[in-house]
Amino acid sequence: YEYGSASSNAEFVLLDCQHELPSGNTVAERFKLDLKKRPTIFVSGKVGPPKQIPQKHLKTGAMLTKLLKGMLEPHAAKIEN
């Protein structure tokens, strides 16, 4: 499933976090995911290293959408020296 415009696009994938990688670690171990927090949702890609979505943002779809927009859409940032 994809979300957003061409400039801010998100693809959602269902992933088995218990899957063992060639390294011997599971996906959850590799990305440092806390599987006790359900549902376990993380973002990766343009946002840098994978980041687990805090539970407080999973209460409603609107809260999750707001967080994802903030993470994925380009925005201006103040640069300080």
PDB file of N, CA and C in Angstrom:
ATOM      1  N   TYR A   1       0.849  -1.181   0.000  1.00  0.00           N
ATOM      2  CA  TYR A   1       0.000   0.000   0.000  1.00  0.00           C
ATOM      3  C   TYR A   1       0.884   1.231   0.000  1.00  0.00           C
ATOM      4  N   GLU A   2       0.573   2.217  -0.836  1.00  0.00           N
ATOM      5  CA  GLU A   2       1.346   3.455  -0.868  1.00  0.00           C
ATOM      6  C   GLU A   2       0.480   4.615  -0.419  1.00  0.00           C
ATOM      7  N   TYR A   3       1.113   5.584   0.241  1.00  0.00           N
ATOM      8  CA  TYR A   3       0.422   6.753   0.760  1.00  0.00           C
ATOM      9  C   TYR A   3       1.167   7.997   0.331  1.00  0.00           C
ATOM     10  N   GLY A   4       0.437   9.052   0.004  1.00  0.00           N
ATOM     11  CA  GLY A   4       1.060  10.353  -0.205  1.00  0.00           C
ATOM     12  C   GLY A   4       1.204  10.739  -1.652  1.00  0.00           C
ATOM     13  N   SER A   5       1.743  11.935  -1.848  1.00  0.00           N
ATOM     14  CA  SER A   5       1.984  12.464  -3.178  1.00  0.00           C
ATOM     15  C   SER A   5       3.325  11.959  -3.671  1.00  0.00           C
ATOM     16  N   ALA A   6       3.691  12.354  -4.881  1.00  0.00           N
ATOM     17  CA  ALA A   6       4.972  11.916  -5.444  1.00  0.00           C
ATOM     18  C   ALA A   6       6.148  12.404  -4.607  1.00  0.00           C
ATOM     19  N   SER A   7       6.008  13.569  -3.967  1.00  0.00           N
ATOM     20  CA  SER A   7       7.114  14.113  -3.177  1.00  0.00           C
ATOM     21  C   SER A   7       7.245  13.450  -1.808  1.00  0.00           C
ATOM     22  N   SER A   8       6.133  12.966  -1.273  1.00  0.00           N
ATOM     23  CA  SER A   8       6.182  12.269   0.026  1.00  0.00           C
ATOM     24  C   SER A   8       5.384  10.988  -0.109  1.00  0.00           C
ATOM     25  N   ASN A   9       6.075   9.907  -0.362  1.00  0.00           N
ATOM     26  CA  ASN A   9       5.437   8.638  -0.630  1.00  0.00           C
ATOM     27  C   ASN A   9       5.796   7.645   0.468  1.00  0.00           C
ATOM     28  N   ALA A  10       4.829   6.878   0.919  1.00  0.00           N
ATOM     29  CA  ALA A  10       5.088   5.864   1.939  1.00  0.00           C
ATOM     30  C   ALA A  10       4.538   4.535   1.448  1.00  0.00           C
ATOM     31  N   GLU A  11       5.301   3.498   1.628  1.00  0.00           N
ATOM     32  CA  GLU A  11       4.870   2.153   1.269  1.00  0.00           C
ATOM     33  C   GLU A  11       4.755   1.351   2.557  1.00  0.00           C
ATOM     34  N   PHE A  12       3.630   0.681   2.751  1.00  0.00           N
ATOM     35  CA  PHE A  12       3.387  -0.101   3.955  1.00  0.00           C
ATOM     36  C   PHE A  12       3.547  -1.577   3.626  1.00  0.00           C
ATOM     37  N   VAL A  13       4.313  -2.288   4.442  1.00  0.00           N
ATOM     38  CA  VAL A  13       4.591  -3.694   4.212  1.00  0.00           C
ATOM     39  C   VAL A  13       4.387  -4.467   5.509  1.00  0.00           C
ATOM     40  N   LEU A  14       3.771  -5.628   5.410  1.00  0.00           N
ATOM     41  CA  LEU A  14       3.630  -6.520   6.559  1.00  0.00           C
ATOM     42  C   LEU A  14       4.891  -7.374   6.633  1.00  0.00           C
ATOM     43  N   LEU A  15       5.513  -7.430   7.801  1.00  0.00           N
ATOM     44  CA  LEU A  15       6.807  -8.077   7.962  1.00  0.00           C
ATOM     45  C   LEU A  15       6.800  -8.984   9.183  1.00  0.00           C
ATOM     46  N   ASP A  16       7.380 -10.162   9.064  1.00  0.00           N
ATOM     47  CA  ASP A  16       7.512 -11.086  10.181  1.00  0.00           C
ATOM     48  C   ASP A  16       8.735 -10.675  10.997  1.00  0.00           C
ATOM     49  N   CYS A  17       8.517 -10.048  12.147  1.00  0.00           N
ATOM     50  CA  CYS A  17       9.619  -9.550  12.979  1.00  0.00           C
ATOM     51  C   CYS A  17      10.397 -10.670  13.650  1.00  0.00           C
ATOM     52  N   GLN A  18       9.861 -11.894  13.662  1.00  0.00           N
ATOM     53  CA  GLN A  18      10.560 -13.038  14.243  1.00  0.00           C
ATOM     54  C   GLN A  18      11.402 -13.778  13.202  1.00  0.00           C
ATOM     55  N   HIS A  19      11.354 -13.318  11.945  1.00  0.00           N
ATOM     56  CA  HIS A  19      12.132 -13.956  10.872  1.00  0.00           C
ATOM     57  C   HIS A  19      13.622 -13.846  11.176  1.00  0.00           C
ATOM     58  N   GLU A  20      14.325 -14.971  11.053  1.00  0.00           N
ATOM     59  CA  GLU A  20      15.758 -14.973  11.328  1.00  0.00           C
ATOM     60  C   GLU A  20      16.530 -14.583  10.064  1.00  0.00           C
ATOM     61  N   LEU A  21      17.396 -13.602  10.203  1.00  0.00           N
ATOM     62  CA  LEU A  21      18.233 -13.116   9.113  1.00  0.00           C
ATOM     63  C   LEU A  21      19.495 -13.981   9.005  1.00  0.00           C
ATOM     64  N   PRO A  22      20.232 -13.886   7.894  1.00  0.00           N
ATOM     65  CA  PRO A  22      21.466 -14.671   7.750  1.00  0.00           C
ATOM     66  C   PRO A  22      22.460 -14.455   8.898  1.00  0.00           C
ATOM     67  N   SER A  23      22.400 -13.295   9.545  1.00  0.00           N
ATOM     68  CA  SER A  23      23.308 -12.996  10.658  1.00  0.00           C
ATOM     69  C   SER A  23      22.976 -13.802  11.919  1.00  0.00           C
ATOM     70  N   GLY A  24      21.768 -14.398  11.938  1.00  0.00           N
ATOM     71  CA  GLY A  24      21.323 -15.116  13.130  1.00  0.00           C
ATOM     72  C   GLY A  24      20.389 -14.293  13.991  1.00  0.00           C
ATOM     73  N   ASN A  25      20.356 -12.987  13.775  1.00  0.00           N
ATOM     74  CA  ASN A  25      19.431 -12.102  14.500  1.00  0.00           C
ATOM     75  C   ASN A  25      18.069 -12.131  13.835  1.00  0.00           C
ATOM     76  N   THR A  26      17.034 -11.833  14.624  1.00  0.00           N
ATOM     77  CA  THR A  26      15.710 -11.669  14.036  1.00  0.00           C
ATOM     78  C   THR A  26      15.596 -10.243  13.504  1.00  0.00           C
ATOM     79  N   VAL A  27      14.568  -9.999  12.712  1.00  0.00           N
ATOM     80  CA  VAL A  27      14.317  -8.644  12.212  1.00  0.00           C
ATOM     81  C   VAL A  27      14.165  -7.680  13.387  1.00  0.00           C
ATOM     82  N   ALA A  28      13.435  -8.110  14.418  1.00  0.00           N
ATOM     83  CA  ALA A  28      13.217  -7.262  15.596  1.00  0.00           C
ATOM     84  C   ALA A  28      14.535  -6.930  16.292  1.00  0.00           C
ATOM     85  N   GLU A  29      15.418  -7.901  16.409  1.00  0.00           N
ATOM     86  CA  GLU A  29      16.716  -7.656  17.043  1.00  0.00           C
ATOM     87  C   GLU A  29      17.567  -6.714  16.193  1.00  0.00           C
ATOM     88  N   ARG A  30      17.571  -6.950  14.897  1.00  0.00           N
ATOM     89  CA  ARG A  30      18.381  -6.134  13.982  1.00  0.00           C
ATOM     90  C   ARG A  30      17.986  -4.663  14.045  1.00  0.00           C
ATOM     91  N   PHE A  31      16.674  -4.395  14.101  1.00  0.00           N
ATOM     92  CA  PHE A  31      16.177  -3.016  14.098  1.00  0.00           C
ATOM     93  C   PHE A  31      15.839  -2.504  15.494  1.00  0.00           C
ATOM     94  N   LYS A  32      16.171  -3.289  16.521  1.00  0.00           N
ATOM     95  CA  LYS A  32      15.949  -2.898  17.922  1.00  0.00           C
ATOM     96  C   LYS A  32      14.481  -2.550  18.187  1.00  0.00           C
ATOM     97  N   LEU A  33      13.588  -3.435  17.769  1.00  0.00           N
ATOM     98  CA  LEU A  33      12.152  -3.230  17.952  1.00  0.00           C
ATOM     99  C   LEU A  33      11.697  -3.900  19.242  1.00  0.00           C
ATOM    100  N   ASP A  34      10.832  -3.211  19.978  1.00  0.00           N
ATOM    101  CA  ASP A  34      10.245  -3.759  21.196  1.00  0.00           C
ATOM    102  C   ASP A  34       8.923  -4.423  20.812  1.00  0.00           C
ATOM    103  N   LEU A  35       8.937  -5.751  20.736  1.00  0.00           N
ATOM    104  CA  LEU A  35       7.750  -6.482  20.292  1.00  0.00           C
ATOM    105  C   LEU A  35       6.644  -6.512  21.336  1.00  0.00           C
ATOM    106  N   LYS A  36       6.927  -6.044  22.562  1.00  0.00           N
ATOM    107  CA  LYS A  36       5.889  -5.964  23.582  1.00  0.00           C
ATOM    108  C   LYS A  36       4.928  -4.823  23.285  1.00  0.00           C
ATOM    109  N   LYS A  37       5.387  -3.850  22.508  1.00  0.00           N
ATOM    110  CA  LYS A  37       4.530  -2.723  22.109  1.00  0.00           C
ATOM    111  C   LYS A  37       3.763  -3.145  20.872  1.00  0.00           C
ATOM    112  N   ARG A  38       2.447  -3.281  21.027  1.00  0.00           N
ATOM    113  CA  ARG A  38       1.583  -3.749  19.951  1.00  0.00           C
ATOM    114  C   ARG A  38       0.612  -2.677  19.530  1.00  0.00           C
ATOM    115  N   PRO A  39       0.307  -2.511  18.268  1.00  0.00           N
ATOM    116  CA  PRO A  39       0.992  -3.171  17.175  1.00  0.00           C
ATOM    117  C   PRO A  39       2.411  -2.626  17.032  1.00  0.00           C
ATOM    118  N   THR A  40       3.306  -3.450  16.517  1.00  0.00           N
ATOM    119  CA  THR A  40       4.690  -3.049  16.323  1.00  0.00           C
ATOM    120  C   THR A  40       4.805  -2.431  14.930  1.00  0.00           C
ATOM    121  N   ILE A  41       5.010  -1.124  14.898  1.00  0.00           N
ATOM    122  CA  ILE A  41       5.105  -0.396  13.631  1.00  0.00           C
ATOM    123  C   ILE A  41       6.401   0.404  13.646  1.00  0.00           C
ATOM    124  N   PHE A  42       7.135   0.334  12.534  1.00  0.00           N
ATOM    125  CA  PHE A  42       8.338   1.146  12.434  1.00  0.00           C
ATOM    126  C   PHE A  42       8.428   1.768  11.050  1.00  0.00           C
ATOM    127  N   VAL A  43       9.207   2.821  10.960  1.00  0.00           N
ATOM    128  CA  VAL A  43       9.401   3.560   9.712  1.00  0.00           C
ATOM    129  C   VAL A  43      10.875   3.451   9.355  1.00  0.00           C
ATOM    130  N   SER A  44      11.148   3.233   8.067  1.00  0.00           N
ATOM    131  CA  SER A  44      12.535   3.207   7.610  1.00  0.00           C
ATOM    132  C   SER A  44      12.602   3.841   6.227  1.00  0.00           C
ATOM    133  N   GLY A  45      13.802   4.124   5.803  1.00  0.00           N
ATOM    134  CA  GLY A  45      13.993   4.712   4.479  1.00  0.00           C
ATOM    135  C   GLY A  45      14.531   6.116   4.576  1.00  0.00           C
ATOM    136  N   LYS A  46      13.790   7.072   4.016  1.00  0.00           N
ATOM    137  CA  LYS A  46      14.226   8.466   3.960  1.00  0.00           C
ATOM    138  C   LYS A  46      14.428   9.094   5.339  1.00  0.00           C
ATOM    139  N   VAL A  47      13.830   8.506   6.360  1.00  0.00           N
ATOM    140  CA  VAL A  47      13.912   9.081   7.706  1.00  0.00           C
ATOM    141  C   VAL A  47      15.176   8.669   8.449  1.00  0.00           C
ATOM    142  N   GLY A  48      16.054   7.924   7.793  1.00  0.00           N
ATOM    143  CA  GLY A  48      17.278   7.462   8.441  1.00  0.00           C
ATOM    144  C   GLY A  48      17.118   6.041   8.938  1.00  0.00           C
ATOM    145  N   PRO A  49      17.809   5.686  10.008  1.00  0.00           N
ATOM    146  CA  PRO A  49      17.699   4.320  10.533  1.00  0.00           C
ATOM    147  C   PRO A  49      16.253   4.018  10.945  1.00  0.00           C
ATOM    148  N   PRO A  50      15.848   2.741  10.916  1.00  0.00           N
ATOM    149  CA  PRO A  50      14.480   2.392  11.317  1.00  0.00           C
ATOM    150  C   PRO A  50      14.144   2.936  12.702  1.00  0.00           C
ATOM    151  N   LYS A  51      12.930   3.493  12.813  1.00  0.00           N
ATOM    152  CA  LYS A  51      12.456   4.067  14.075  1.00  0.00           C
ATOM    153  C   LYS A  51      11.093   3.476  14.397  1.00  0.00           C
ATOM    154  N   GLN A  52      10.966   2.927  15.614  1.00  0.00           N
ATOM    155  CA  GLN A  52       9.684   2.383  16.043  1.00  0.00           C
ATOM    156  C   GLN A  52       8.745   3.529  16.388  1.00  0.00           C
ATOM    157  N   ILE A  53       7.491   3.394  15.977  1.00  0.00           N
ATOM    158  CA  ILE A  53       6.482   4.411  16.265  1.00  0.00           C
ATOM    159  C   ILE A  53       6.064   4.260  17.728  1.00  0.00           C
ATOM    160  N   PRO A  54       6.164   5.346  18.521  1.00  0.00           N
ATOM    161  CA  PRO A  54       5.734   5.272  19.931  1.00  0.00           C
ATOM    162  C   PRO A  54       4.241   4.941  20.043  1.00  0.00           C
ATOM    163  N   GLN A  55       3.879   4.192  21.067  1.00  0.00           N
ATOM    164  CA  GLN A  55       2.486   3.768  21.250  1.00  0.00           C
ATOM    165  C   GLN A  55       1.519   4.938  21.338  1.00  0.00           C
ATOM    166  N   LYS A  56       1.965   6.074  21.861  1.00  0.00           N
ATOM    167  CA  LYS A  56       1.053   7.212  22.002  1.00  0.00           C
ATOM    168  C   LYS A  56       0.544   7.699  20.645  1.00  0.00           C
ATOM    169  N   HIS A  57       1.240   7.377  19.558  1.00  0.00           N
ATOM    170  CA  HIS A  57       0.813   7.791  18.223  1.00  0.00           C
ATOM    171  C   HIS A  57      -0.029   6.717  17.534  1.00  0.00           C
ATOM    172  N   LEU A  58      -0.284   5.610  18.215  1.00  0.00           N
ATOM    173  CA  LEU A  58      -1.031   4.503  17.618  1.00  0.00           C
ATOM    174  C   LEU A  58      -2.469   4.416  18.125  1.00  0.00           C
ATOM    175  N   LYS A  59      -2.892   5.416  18.877  1.00  0.00           N
ATOM    176  CA  LYS A  59      -4.241   5.377  19.452  1.00  0.00           C
ATOM    177  C   LYS A  59      -5.323   5.547  18.391  1.00  0.00           C
ATOM    178  N   THR A  60      -5.062   6.391  17.402  1.00  0.00           N
ATOM    179  CA  THR A  60      -6.026   6.596  16.316  1.00  0.00           C
ATOM    180  C   THR A  60      -5.280   6.679  14.994  1.00  0.00           C
ATOM    181  N   GLY A  61      -6.000   6.435  13.921  1.00  0.00           N
ATOM    182  CA  GLY A  61      -5.411   6.561  12.592  1.00  0.00           C
ATOM    183  C   GLY A  61      -4.962   7.983  12.317  1.00  0.00           C
ATOM    184  N   ALA A  62      -5.711   8.954  12.832  1.00  0.00           N
ATOM    185  CA  ALA A  62      -5.364  10.361  12.622  1.00  0.00           C
ATOM    186  C   ALA A  62      -4.038  10.701  13.293  1.00  0.00           C
ATOM    187  N   MET A  63      -3.808  10.162  14.484  1.00  0.00           N
ATOM    188  CA  MET A  63      -2.556  10.434  15.193  1.00  0.00           C
ATOM    189  C   MET A  63      -1.367   9.822  14.444  1.00  0.00           C
ATOM    190  N   LEU A  64      -1.547   8.612  13.921  1.00  0.00           N
ATOM    191  CA  LEU A  64      -0.487   7.960  13.162  1.00  0.00           C
ATOM    192  C   LEU A  64      -0.213   8.721  11.871  1.00  0.00           C
ATOM    193  N   THR A  65      -1.270   9.130  11.189  1.00  0.00           N
ATOM    194  CA  THR A  65      -1.120   9.883   9.942  1.00  0.00           C
ATOM    195  C   THR A  65      -0.379  11.188  10.178  1.00  0.00           C
ATOM    196  N   LYS A  66      -0.716  11.893  11.248  1.00  0.00           N
ATOM    197  CA  LYS A  66      -0.054  13.158  11.563  1.00  0.00           C
ATOM    198  C   LYS A  66       1.442  12.942  11.786  1.00  0.00           C
ATOM    199  N   LEU A  67       1.794  11.916  12.539  1.00  0.00           N
ATOM    200  CA  LEU A  67       3.204  11.620  12.800  1.00  0.00           C
ATOM    201  C   LEU A  67       3.931  11.272  11.503  1.00  0.00           C
ATOM    202  N   LEU A  68       3.329  10.389  10.687  1.00  0.00           N
ATOM    203  CA  LEU A  68       3.968   9.969   9.446  1.00  0.00           C
ATOM    204  C   LEU A  68       4.158  11.140   8.487  1.00  0.00           C
ATOM    205  N   LYS A  69       3.162  12.020   8.398  1.00  0.00           N
ATOM    206  CA  LYS A  69       3.305  13.204   7.536  1.00  0.00           C
ATOM    207  C   LYS A  69       4.490  14.045   8.000  1.00  0.00           C
ATOM    208  N   GLY A  70       4.606  14.228   9.303  1.00  0.00           N
ATOM    209  CA  GLY A  70       5.704  15.010   9.843  1.00  0.00           C
ATOM    210  C   GLY A  70       7.064  14.382   9.573  1.00  0.00           C
ATOM    211  N   MET A  71       7.103  13.046   9.539  1.00  0.00           N
ATOM    212  CA  MET A  71       8.366  12.347   9.304  1.00  0.00           C
ATOM    213  C   MET A  71       8.722  12.276   7.827  1.00  0.00           C
ATOM    214  N   LEU A  72       7.709  12.153   6.956  1.00  0.00           N
ATOM    215  CA  LEU A  72       7.962  11.877   5.549  1.00  0.00           C
ATOM    216  C   LEU A  72       7.914  13.096   4.633  1.00  0.00           C
ATOM    217  N   GLU A  73       7.133  14.094   4.981  1.00  0.00           N
ATOM    218  CA  GLU A  73       7.022  15.257   4.101  1.00  0.00           C
ATOM    219  C   GLU A  73       8.192  16.203   4.319  1.00  0.00           C
ATOM    220  N   PRO A  74       8.742  16.732   3.227  1.00  0.00           N
ATOM    221  CA  PRO A  74       9.837  17.687   3.373  1.00  0.00           C
ATOM    222  C   PRO A  74       9.368  18.943   4.109  1.00  0.00           C
ATOM    223  N   HIS A  75      10.235  19.494   4.938  1.00  0.00           N
ATOM    224  CA  HIS A  75       9.901  20.722   5.655  1.00  0.00           C
ATOM    225  C   HIS A  75      11.183  21.496   5.934  1.00  0.00           C
ATOM    226  N   ALA A  76      11.018  22.772   6.137  1.00  0.00           N
ATOM    227  CA  ALA A  76      12.160  23.640   6.398  1.00  0.00           C
ATOM    228  C   ALA A  76      12.657  23.430   7.827  1.00  0.00           C
ATOM    229  N   ALA A  77      13.948  23.557   8.014  1.00  0.00           N
ATOM    230  CA  ALA A  77      14.534  23.428   9.336  1.00  0.00           C
ATOM    231  C   ALA A  77      15.523  24.574   9.543  1.00  0.00           C
ATOM    232  N   LYS A  78      15.512  25.149  10.726  1.00  0.00           N
ATOM    233  CA  LYS A  78      16.403  26.233  11.052  1.00  0.00           C
ATOM    234  C   LYS A  78      17.800  25.669  11.304  1.00  0.00           C
ATOM    235  N   ILE A  79      18.787  26.277  10.674  1.00  0.00           N
ATOM    236  CA  ILE A  79      20.177  25.840  10.831  1.00  0.00           C
ATOM    237  C   ILE A  79      20.889  26.843  11.728  1.00  0.00           C
ATOM    238  N   GLU A  80      21.466  26.342  12.794  1.00  0.00           N
ATOM    239  CA  GLU A  80      22.193  27.203  13.731  1.00  0.00           C
ATOM    240  C   GLU A  80      23.641  26.803  13.755  1.00  0.00           C
ATOM    241  N   ASN A  81      24.528  27.785  13.832  1.00  0.00           N
ATOM    242  CA  ASN A  81      25.975  27.507  13.906  1.00  0.00           C
ATOM    243  C   ASN A  81      26.443  27.571  15.324  1.00  0.00           C
TER     244      ASN A  81
END
